[in-house]
């Protein structure tokens, strides 16, 4: 079961700012002024979101892509995968990973 600790661990690995991380999970509160991260109980929707983020992380790893892939624009995309996730379109990211993996394998075979 995902927790805020799970979220922060993933965001550290992906090098996502605290503000963007909170935006990804729809956190309504504000960042503490003390410089510490908020620890909070995830709502059911936030748990689903963190689970999806973990699925994306697993797919990145399986494809051999590092976290920097989330900040790259695809040739056909107007936004980065991270931008899509922040806009609430997380369901579009896994197909992007699959497509990028297929393109990379075709290039390997052709090269």
Protein backbone atom coordinates (compact mmCIF):
# COMPACT_ATOMS: atom_id res chain seq x y z
CA UNK A 1 0.00 0.00 0.00
CA UNK A 2 1.61 3.29 -1.07
CA UNK A 3 2.38 5.93 1.54
CA UNK A 4 3.78 9.45 1.42
CA UNK A 5 7.19 7.84 2.14
CA UNK A 6 6.75 5.83 -1.08
CA UNK A 7 5.94 9.03 -2.95
CA UNK A 8 8.97 10.91 -1.61
CA UNK A 9 11.31 8.01 -2.34
CA UNK A 10 10.12 7.88 -5.94
CA UNK A 11 10.27 11.65 -6.38
CA UNK A 12 13.86 11.64 -5.08
CA UNK A 13 14.79 8.96 -7.61
CA UNK A 14 13.09 10.92 -10.39
CA UNK A 15 14.54 14.23 -9.15
CA UNK A 16 11.10 15.87 -9.11
CA UNK A 17 10.68 18.97 -6.98
CA UNK A 18 8.52 18.83 -3.87
CA UNK A 19 6.05 21.25 -5.42
CA UNK A 20 5.68 19.14 -8.57
CA UNK A 21 5.38 15.95 -6.50
CA UNK A 22 2.52 17.43 -4.51
CA UNK A 23 0.91 18.62 -7.72
CA UNK A 24 1.14 15.08 -9.14
CA UNK A 25 -0.84 13.62 -6.24
CA UNK A 26 -3.27 16.51 -5.90
CA UNK A 27 -2.12 17.53 -2.44
CA UNK A 28 -4.30 20.40 -1.27
CA UNK A 29 -2.04 21.67 1.50
CA UNK A 30 0.98 23.90 1.29
CA UNK A 31 4.63 23.11 1.69
CA UNK A 32 5.85 23.76 5.22
CA UNK A 33 7.98 26.87 5.58
CA UNK A 34 10.49 24.93 7.67
CA UNK A 35 11.97 23.28 4.59
CA UNK A 36 10.69 19.85 5.51
CA UNK A 37 8.40 17.78 3.38
CA UNK A 38 4.83 17.21 4.45
CA UNK A 39 4.10 13.68 5.60
CA UNK A 40 0.46 12.90 5.14
CA UNK A 41 -1.93 10.02 4.85
CA UNK A 42 -2.75 9.43 1.21
CA UNK A 43 -6.39 9.53 0.20
CA UNK A 44 -7.69 6.59 -1.86
CA UNK A 45 -7.27 8.67 -5.04
CA UNK A 46 -3.72 9.66 -4.06
CA UNK A 47 -2.91 5.98 -3.41
CA UNK A 48 -4.11 5.13 -6.93
CA UNK A 49 -1.98 7.96 -8.31
CA UNK A 50 1.15 6.80 -6.46
CA UNK A 51 0.47 3.24 -7.65
CA UNK A 52 0.32 4.53 -11.23
CA UNK A 53 3.57 6.43 -10.69
CA UNK A 54 5.15 3.20 -9.46
CA UNK A 55 3.87 1.40 -12.58
CA UNK A 56 5.47 4.11 -14.71
CA UNK A 57 8.72 3.71 -12.76
CA UNK A 58 8.67 -0.05 -13.34
CA UNK A 59 8.04 0.45 -17.06
CA UNK A 60 10.91 2.97 -17.29
CA UNK A 61 13.23 0.50 -15.63
CA UNK A 62 12.11 -2.39 -17.83
CA UNK A 63 12.64 -0.23 -20.93
CA UNK A 64 16.10 0.78 -19.75
CA UNK A 65 15.14 4.46 -19.51
CA UNK A 66 16.35 6.62 -16.66
CA UNK A 67 14.30 9.27 -14.89
CA UNK A 68 15.60 11.92 -17.32
CA UNK A 69 13.35 10.34 -19.98
CA UNK A 70 10.39 11.91 -18.16
CA UNK A 71 11.73 15.37 -19.08
CA UNK A 72 12.26 14.73 -22.79
CA UNK A 73 9.79 15.70 -25.45
CA UNK A 74 8.92 12.99 -27.91
CA UNK A 75 9.06 14.02 -31.56
CA UNK A 76 5.29 13.88 -31.81
CA UNK A 77 4.55 15.28 -28.36
CA UNK A 78 4.12 18.88 -27.35
CA UNK A 79 4.80 18.15 -23.70
CA UNK A 80 7.18 15.99 -21.74
CA UNK A 81 5.87 12.88 -19.97
CA UNK A 82 6.30 14.72 -16.66
CA UNK A 83 4.21 17.61 -18.02
CA UNK A 84 1.52 15.13 -19.05
CA UNK A 85 1.49 13.58 -15.59
CA UNK A 86 1.27 17.00 -13.94
CA UNK A 87 -1.69 17.81 -16.21
CA UNK A 88 -3.49 14.69 -15.01
CA UNK A 89 -2.81 12.59 -18.11
CA UNK A 90 -0.81 9.82 -16.43
CA UNK A 91 -2.62 7.21 -18.50
CA UNK A 92 -0.85 8.60 -21.59
CA UNK A 93 2.64 7.97 -20.23
CA UNK A 94 2.76 4.16 -20.26
CA UNK A 95 1.88 4.01 -23.99
CA UNK A 96 4.61 6.60 -24.62
CA UNK A 97 7.14 4.37 -22.85
CA UNK A 98 5.99 1.39 -24.92
CA UNK A 99 6.24 3.34 -28.17
CA UNK A 100 9.70 4.70 -27.30
CA UNK A 101 10.86 1.18 -26.43
CA UNK A 102 9.61 -0.15 -29.76
CA UNK A 103 11.31 2.66 -31.68
CA UNK A 104 14.57 2.01 -29.83
CA UNK A 105 14.43 -1.72 -30.62
CA UNK A 106 13.75 -1.03 -34.30
CA UNK A 107 16.73 1.35 -34.44
CA UNK A 108 18.94 -1.30 -32.80
CA UNK A 109 17.92 -3.93 -35.34
CA UNK A 110 18.33 -1.52 -38.26
CA UNK A 111 21.71 -0.28 -37.05
